[in-house]
Amino acid sequence: MSEEDRGHRWFAAIYDRTMRAGERRVGPMRRELLGGLTGDVLEIGAGTGANFSYYKPGARVIALEPDPHMLKRAQARLATLGRTNIDVQRAPAEALPFDADSFDVVVSTLVLCTVNDLAASLAELRRVLRPGGRLVFIEHVRGNGALGHTHDLIQPVWGWCSAGCQVNRRTEAAMADAGFAFDEIRRLKLAPWMPAIVGAAHVATDP
């Protein structure tokens, strides 16, 4: 087993426990963003399935997770919930196994910090969204000023401890560069040291 594989197995095992306190903050955001979704929905980076309980039966959800250890836990959660409108598959955001214009909504919650190639992932999300479709998101982002410099300094250790998560990603700017226009965006903090963006966007222009 590679060092990376061991690390991801360990991270998957502790993920839900380490996120328990944070879910008191994030859970209501998930409910607000996901509870009203309908149609064909793609969730990238589903992790252990934290979003699954918030989807209503009117959403036909395909949830993707590239990490096999996270995927196993997501499948177990889905079996416990008994939801028949969610299908869990293994695939990365950088290479989505779907035709163009396949989905009404793409969901990304605490995912774009960890994808290997942010630009390629956003290009894929654009490709599979139908005209008029939306990207809904909760993503932590690099801070401004001194906080941002701190994020830059701690990134090597942070990434090693958190399965490749990049605490200093400029995700909002990357989304705009990829041709997304924000319908709604809130800038808040998931923790005193972790700014985030929450909202929805649509495809506006060619990047």
C-alpha atoms as a PDB file:
ATOM      1  CA  MET A   1       0.000   0.000   0.000  1.00  0.00           C
ATOM      2  CA  SER A   2       1.369   3.393  -0.983  1.00  0.00           C
ATOM      3  CA  GLU A   3       1.865   6.211   1.525  1.00  0.00           C
ATOM      4  CA  GLU A   4      -0.884   8.171  -0.242  1.00  0.00           C
ATOM      5  CA  ASP A   5      -3.295   5.246  -0.037  1.00  0.00           C
ATOM      6  CA  ARG A   6      -2.575   4.756   3.664  1.00  0.00           C
ATOM      7  CA  GLY A   7      -3.103   8.446   4.301  1.00  0.00           C
ATOM      8  CA  HIS A   8      -6.402   8.569   2.472  1.00  0.00           C
ATOM      9  CA  ARG A   9      -7.617   5.439   4.284  1.00  0.00           C
ATOM     10  CA  TRP A  10      -6.774   7.128   7.582  1.00  0.00           C
ATOM     11  CA  PHE A  11      -8.406  10.404   6.530  1.00  0.00           C
ATOM     12  CA  ALA A  12     -11.607   8.650   5.432  1.00  0.00           C
ATOM     13  CA  ALA A  13     -11.758   6.829   8.763  1.00  0.00           C
ATOM     14  CA  ILE A  14     -11.639  10.023  10.830  1.00  0.00           C
ATOM     15  CA  TYR A  15     -13.411  12.432   8.469  1.00  0.00           C
ATOM     16  CA  ASP A  16     -16.918  12.297   9.930  1.00  0.00           C
ATOM     17  CA  ARG A  17     -15.617  12.597  13.477  1.00  0.00           C
ATOM     18  CA  THR A  18     -13.396  15.564  12.682  1.00  0.00           C
ATOM     19  CA  MET A  19     -16.246  17.296  10.847  1.00  0.00           C
ATOM     20  CA  ARG A  20     -18.836  16.731  13.583  1.00  0.00           C
ATOM     21  CA  ALA A  21     -18.413  20.156  15.175  1.00  0.00           C
ATOM     22  CA  GLY A  22     -18.182  21.882  11.787  1.00  0.00           C
ATOM     23  CA  GLU A  23     -21.415  20.266  10.643  1.00  0.00           C
ATOM     24  CA  ARG A  24     -23.311  22.356  13.174  1.00  0.00           C
ATOM     25  CA  ARG A  25     -22.284  25.295  11.000  1.00  0.00           C
ATOM     26  CA  VAL A  26     -22.308  23.633   7.572  1.00  0.00           C
ATOM     27  CA  GLY A  27     -25.397  21.440   7.984  1.00  0.00           C
ATOM     28  CA  PRO A  28     -27.928  24.295   7.736  1.00  0.00           C
ATOM     29  CA  MET A  29     -26.119  25.548   4.622  1.00  0.00           C
ATOM     30  CA  ARG A  30     -26.388  22.111   3.044  1.00  0.00           C
ATOM     31  CA  ARG A  31     -30.107  21.999   3.838  1.00  0.00           C
ATOM     32  CA  GLU A  32     -30.707  25.435   2.326  1.00  0.00           C
ATOM     33  CA  LEU A  33     -28.752  24.727  -0.874  1.00  0.00           C
ATOM     34  CA  LEU A  34     -29.845  21.157  -1.514  1.00  0.00           C
ATOM     35  CA  GLY A  35     -33.327  20.775  -0.069  1.00  0.00           C
ATOM     36  CA  GLY A  36     -35.079  22.430  -2.992  1.00  0.00           C
ATOM     37  CA  LEU A  37     -33.141  20.847  -5.855  1.00  0.00           C
ATOM     38  CA  THR A  38     -35.042  18.963  -8.542  1.00  0.00           C
ATOM     39  CA  GLY A  39     -34.177  17.310 -11.850  1.00  0.00           C
ATOM     40  CA  ASP A  40     -30.875  15.674 -12.744  1.00  0.00           C
ATOM     41  CA  VAL A  41     -28.243  16.518 -10.134  1.00  0.00           C
ATOM     42  CA  LEU A  42     -24.536  15.717 -10.178  1.00  0.00           C
ATOM     43  CA  GLU A  43     -22.599  15.865  -6.926  1.00  0.00           C
ATOM     44  CA  ILE A  44     -18.807  15.823  -7.204  1.00  0.00           C
ATOM     45  CA  GLY A  45     -16.535  14.746  -4.374  1.00  0.00           C
ATOM     46  CA  ALA A  46     -19.328  13.228  -2.318  1.00  0.00           C
ATOM     47  CA  GLY A  47     -16.899  12.086   0.371  1.00  0.00           C
ATOM     48  CA  THR A  48     -18.670  10.019   3.005  1.00  0.00           C
ATOM     49  CA  GLY A  49     -22.116  11.166   1.831  1.00  0.00           C
ATOM     50  CA  ALA A  50     -22.724  14.113   4.157  1.00  0.00           C
ATOM     51  CA  ASN A  51     -25.144  15.669   1.644  1.00  0.00           C
ATOM     52  CA  PHE A  52     -27.286  12.610   1.030  1.00  0.00           C
ATOM     53  CA  SER A  53     -29.883  13.170   3.745  1.00  0.00           C
ATOM     54  CA  TYR A  54     -30.658  16.686   2.435  1.00  0.00           C
ATOM     55  CA  TYR A  55     -31.769  15.691  -1.065  1.00  0.00           C
ATOM     56  CA  LYS A  56     -35.516  15.429  -1.604  1.00  0.00           C
ATOM     57  CA  PRO A  57     -37.103  12.681  -3.771  1.00  0.00           C
ATOM     58  CA  GLY A  58     -37.560  15.170  -6.631  1.00  0.00           C
ATOM     59  CA  ALA A  59     -33.798  15.209  -7.235  1.00  0.00           C
ATOM     60  CA  ARG A  60     -32.268  12.391  -9.286  1.00  0.00           C
ATOM     61  CA  VAL A  61     -28.725  12.428  -7.944  1.00  0.00           C
ATOM     62  CA  ILE A  62     -25.519  10.892  -9.247  1.00  0.00           C
ATOM     63  CA  ALA A  63     -22.855  11.311  -6.553  1.00  0.00           C
ATOM     64  CA  LEU A  64     -19.237  10.881  -7.579  1.00  0.00           C
ATOM     65  CA  GLU A  65     -16.273  10.186  -5.304  1.00  0.00           C
ATOM     66  CA  PRO A  66     -12.787   9.329  -6.610  1.00  0.00           C
ATOM     67  CA  ASP A  67     -11.271   8.030  -3.360  1.00  0.00           C
ATOM     68  CA  PRO A  68     -12.112   4.344  -2.750  1.00  0.00           C
ATOM     69  CA  HIS A  69     -12.064   4.684   1.041  1.00  0.00           C
ATOM     70  CA  MET A  70     -14.459   7.620   1.025  1.00  0.00           C
ATOM     71  CA  LEU A  71     -16.573   5.867  -1.609  1.00  0.00           C
ATOM     72  CA  LYS A  72     -17.044   2.813   0.594  1.00  0.00           C
ATOM     73  CA  ARG A  73     -18.302   4.978   3.447  1.00  0.00           C
ATOM     74  CA  ALA A  74     -20.623   6.907   1.138  1.00  0.00           C
ATOM     75  CA  GLN A  75     -22.123   3.646  -0.119  1.00  0.00           C
ATOM     76  CA  ALA A  76     -22.633   2.446   3.454  1.00  0.00           C
ATOM     77  CA  ARG A  77     -24.366   5.696   4.393  1.00  0.00           C
ATOM     78  CA  LEU A  78     -26.626   5.483   1.354  1.00  0.00           C
ATOM     79  CA  ALA A  79     -27.600   1.924   2.269  1.00  0.00           C
ATOM     80  CA  THR A  80     -28.470   3.077   5.793  1.00  0.00           C
ATOM     81  CA  LEU A  81     -30.590   5.965   4.499  1.00  0.00           C
ATOM     82  CA  GLY A  82     -32.366   3.745   1.975  1.00  0.00           C
ATOM     83  CA  ARG A  83     -32.550   6.502  -0.643  1.00  0.00           C
ATOM     84  CA  THR A  84     -33.386   5.174  -4.110  1.00  0.00           C
ATOM     85  CA  ASN A  85     -32.913   8.514  -5.911  1.00  0.00           C
ATOM     86  CA  ILE A  86     -29.137   8.621  -5.312  1.00  0.00           C
ATOM     87  CA  ASP A  87     -26.567   6.612  -7.271  1.00  0.00           C
ATOM     88  CA  VAL A  88     -22.977   6.592  -6.007  1.00  0.00           C
ATOM     89  CA  GLN A  89     -20.169   6.089  -8.529  1.00  0.00           C
ATOM     90  CA  ARG A  90     -16.392   6.401  -8.591  1.00  0.00           C
ATOM     91  CA  ALA A  91     -14.986   9.146 -10.837  1.00  0.00           C
ATOM     92  CA  PRO A  92     -12.878  12.300 -10.525  1.00  0.00           C
ATOM     93  CA  ALA A  93     -14.146  15.810 -11.226  1.00  0.00           C
ATOM     94  CA  GLU A  94     -11.393  16.313 -13.796  1.00  0.00           C
ATOM     95  CA  ALA A  95     -12.791  13.587 -16.103  1.00  0.00           C
ATOM     96  CA  LEU A  96     -16.548  13.265 -15.746  1.00  0.00           C
ATOM     97  CA  PRO A  97     -17.962  10.161 -17.474  1.00  0.00           C
ATOM     98  CA  PHE A  98     -21.005  11.967 -18.900  1.00  0.00           C
ATOM     99  CA  ASP A  99     -22.061  13.644 -22.114  1.00  0.00           C
ATOM    100  CA  ALA A 100     -22.266  17.411 -22.407  1.00  0.00           C
ATOM    101  CA  ASP A 101     -25.493  19.036 -21.178  1.00  0.00           C
ATOM    102  CA  SER A 102     -26.399  16.125 -18.905  1.00  0.00           C
ATOM    103  CA  PHE A 103     -27.356  17.838 -15.642  1.00  0.00           C
ATOM    104  CA  ASP A 104     -29.613  20.578 -14.353  1.00  0.00           C
ATOM    105  CA  VAL A 105     -27.496  21.171 -11.241  1.00  0.00           C
ATOM    106  CA  VAL A 106     -23.951  20.408 -10.143  1.00  0.00           C
ATOM    107  CA  VAL A 107     -23.233  20.335  -6.402  1.00  0.00           C
ATOM    108  CA  SER A 108     -19.785  21.021  -4.934  1.00  0.00           C
ATOM    109  CA  THR A 109     -19.458  21.209  -1.155  1.00  0.00           C
ATOM    110  CA  LEU A 110     -15.958  21.399   0.306  1.00  0.00           C
ATOM    111  CA  VAL A 111     -14.554  19.723  -2.802  1.00  0.00           C
ATOM    112  CA  LEU A 112     -12.785  22.234  -5.049  1.00  0.00           C
ATOM    113  CA  CYS A 113     -10.102  22.660  -2.390  1.00  0.00           C
ATOM    114  CA  THR A 114      -8.998  19.084  -3.026  1.00  0.00           C
ATOM    115  CA  VAL A 115      -9.362  18.366  -6.753  1.00  0.00           C
ATOM    116  CA  ASN A 116      -6.016  17.770  -8.423  1.00  0.00           C
ATOM    117  CA  ASP A 117      -6.665  20.217 -11.260  1.00  0.00           C
ATOM    118  CA  LEU A 118      -9.064  23.043 -10.413  1.00  0.00           C
ATOM    119  CA  ALA A 119      -9.252  24.541 -13.919  1.00  0.00           C
ATOM    120  CA  ALA A 120      -9.915  21.146 -15.526  1.00  0.00           C
ATOM    121  CA  SER A 121     -12.572  20.336 -12.940  1.00  0.00           C
ATOM    122  CA  LEU A 122     -14.420  23.615 -13.490  1.00  0.00           C
ATOM    123  CA  ALA A 123     -14.249  23.101 -17.254  1.00  0.00           C
ATOM    124  CA  GLU A 124     -15.869  19.692 -16.802  1.00  0.00           C
ATOM    125  CA  LEU A 125     -18.628  21.160 -14.630  1.00  0.00           C
ATOM    126  CA  ARG A 126     -19.351  23.713 -17.374  1.00  0.00           C
ATOM    127  CA  ARG A 127     -19.430  20.969 -19.978  1.00  0.00           C
ATOM    128  CA  VAL A 128     -21.993  18.745 -18.257  1.00  0.00           C
ATOM    129  CA  LEU A 129     -24.361  21.533 -17.168  1.00  0.00           C
ATOM    130  CA  ARG A 130     -27.408  22.051 -19.360  1.00  0.00           C
ATOM    131  CA  PRO A 131     -28.216  25.548 -20.640  1.00  0.00           C
ATOM    132  CA  GLY A 132     -29.697  27.408 -17.700  1.00  0.00           C
ATOM    133  CA  GLY A 133     -28.184  24.926 -15.247  1.00  0.00           C
ATOM    134  CA  ARG A 134     -26.589  25.937 -11.962  1.00  0.00           C
ATOM    135  CA  LEU A 135     -23.525  25.160  -9.910  1.00  0.00           C
ATOM    136  CA  VAL A 136     -24.321  25.302  -6.185  1.00  0.00           C
ATOM    137  CA  PHE A 137     -21.420  25.382  -3.784  1.00  0.00           C
ATOM    138  CA  ILE A 138     -19.967  25.643  -0.309  1.00  0.00           C
ATOM    139  CA  GLU A 139     -16.212  26.084  -0.567  1.00  0.00           C
ATOM    140  CA  HIS A 140     -13.560  27.332   1.819  1.00  0.00           C
ATOM    141  CA  VAL A 141     -11.099  29.762   0.238  1.00  0.00           C
ATOM    142  CA  ARG A 142      -7.808  31.524   0.865  1.00  0.00           C
ATOM    143  CA  GLY A 143      -8.064  34.393   3.310  1.00  0.00           C
ATOM    144  CA  ASN A 144      -7.076  37.980   2.648  1.00  0.00           C
ATOM    145  CA  GLY A 145      -4.116  39.850   4.093  1.00  0.00           C
ATOM    146  CA  ALA A 146      -2.259  38.244   6.976  1.00  0.00           C
ATOM    147  CA  LEU A 147      -4.662  35.302   7.088  1.00  0.00           C
ATOM    148  CA  GLY A 148      -3.946  34.504   3.462  1.00  0.00           C
ATOM    149  CA  HIS A 149      -0.196  34.594   4.080  1.00  0.00           C
ATOM    150  CA  THR A 150      -0.726  32.230   7.010  1.00  0.00           C
ATOM    151  CA  HIS A 151      -2.665  29.869   4.750  1.00  0.00           C
ATOM    152  CA  ASP A 152       0.243  29.918   2.296  1.00  0.00           C
ATOM    153  CA  LEU A 153       2.708  29.073   5.061  1.00  0.00           C
ATOM    154  CA  ILE A 154       0.742  26.181   6.522  1.00  0.00           C
ATOM    155  CA  GLN A 155      -0.338  24.675   3.188  1.00  0.00           C
ATOM    156  CA  PRO A 156       2.394  21.996   2.946  1.00  0.00           C
ATOM    157  CA  VAL A 157       1.507  20.557   6.359  1.00  0.00           C
ATOM    158  CA  TRP A 158      -2.234  21.154   5.941  1.00  0.00           C
ATOM    159  CA  GLY A 159      -2.299  19.340   2.625  1.00  0.00           C
ATOM    160  CA  TRP A 160      -0.408  16.354   4.006  1.00  0.00           C
ATOM    161  CA  CYS A 161      -2.764  16.055   6.981  1.00  0.00           C
ATOM    162  CA  SER A 162      -5.960  16.445   4.971  1.00  0.00           C
ATOM    163  CA  ALA A 163      -5.561  14.227   1.916  1.00  0.00           C
ATOM    164  CA  GLY A 164      -4.431  17.004  -0.400  1.00  0.00           C
ATOM    165  CA  CYS A 165      -6.807  19.786   0.638  1.00  0.00           C
ATOM    166  CA  GLN A 166      -5.442  23.217  -0.336  1.00  0.00           C
ATOM    167  CA  VAL A 167      -6.390  25.755   2.292  1.00  0.00           C
ATOM    168  CA  ASN A 168      -5.016  28.617   0.167  1.00  0.00           C
ATOM    169  CA  ARG A 169      -6.988  28.058  -3.052  1.00  0.00           C
ATOM    170  CA  ARG A 170      -8.457  31.148  -4.716  1.00  0.00           C
ATOM    171  CA  THR A 171     -11.584  29.272  -5.727  1.00  0.00           C
ATOM    172  CA  GLU A 172     -13.891  32.241  -6.251  1.00  0.00           C
ATOM    173  CA  ALA A 173     -11.522  33.786  -8.788  1.00  0.00           C
ATOM    174  CA  ALA A 174     -11.023  30.420 -10.491  1.00  0.00           C
ATOM    175  CA  MET A 175     -14.778  29.989 -10.908  1.00  0.00           C
ATOM    176  CA  ALA A 176     -15.065  33.408 -12.516  1.00  0.00           C
ATOM    177  CA  ASP A 177     -12.072  32.663 -14.772  1.00  0.00           C
ATOM    178  CA  ALA A 178     -13.804  29.448 -15.866  1.00  0.00           C
ATOM    179  CA  GLY A 179     -16.786  31.444 -17.124  1.00  0.00           C
ATOM    180  CA  PHE A 180     -19.191  31.115 -14.199  1.00  0.00           C
ATOM    181  CA  ALA A 181     -21.280  34.111 -13.135  1.00  0.00           C
ATOM    182  CA  PHE A 182     -22.547  34.240  -9.579  1.00  0.00           C
ATOM    183  CA  ASP A 183     -26.305  34.385  -9.078  1.00  0.00           C
ATOM    184  CA  GLU A 184     -25.796  34.469  -5.348  1.00  0.00           C
ATOM    185  CA  ILE A 185     -22.649  34.460  -3.243  1.00  0.00           C
ATOM    186  CA  ARG A 186     -22.180  34.869   0.483  1.00  0.00           C
ATOM    187  CA  ARG A 187     -18.772  35.318   2.028  1.00  0.00           C
ATOM    188  CA  LEU A 188     -18.596  34.014   5.573  1.00  0.00           C
ATOM    189  CA  LYS A 189     -16.387  31.992   7.904  1.00  0.00           C
ATOM    190  CA  LEU A 190     -16.703  28.310   8.680  1.00  0.00           C
ATOM    191  CA  ALA A 191     -14.226  28.953  11.500  1.00  0.00           C
ATOM    192  CA  PRO A 192     -12.342  32.107  12.567  1.00  0.00           C
ATOM    193  CA  TRP A 193      -9.426  31.044  10.386  1.00  0.00           C
ATOM    194  CA  MET A 194     -11.424  29.575   7.448  1.00  0.00           C
ATOM    195  CA  PRO A 195     -13.296  31.953   5.113  1.00  0.00           C
ATOM    196  CA  ALA A 196     -15.745  30.414   2.699  1.00  0.00           C
ATOM    197  CA  ILE A 197     -18.095  31.189  -0.162  1.00  0.00           C
ATOM    198  CA  VAL A 198     -21.635  29.822  -0.390  1.00  0.00           C
ATOM    199  CA  GLY A 199     -24.067  30.273  -3.242  1.00  0.00           C
ATOM    200  CA  ALA A 200     -24.990  29.469  -6.828  1.00  0.00           C
ATOM    201  CA  ALA A 201     -23.598  30.288 -10.263  1.00  0.00           C
ATOM    202  CA  HIS A 202     -24.448  29.737 -13.918  1.00  0.00           C
ATOM    203  CA  VAL A 203     -22.368  29.458 -17.071  1.00  0.00           C
ATOM    204  CA  ALA A 204     -22.065  32.945 -18.508  1.00  0.00           C
ATOM    205  CA  THR A 205     -19.184  33.213 -20.959  1.00  0.00           C
ATOM    206  CA  ASP A 206     -16.438  31.283 -22.611  1.00  0.00           C
ATOM    207  CA  PRO A 207     -13.372  31.364 -20.327  1.00  0.00           C
END
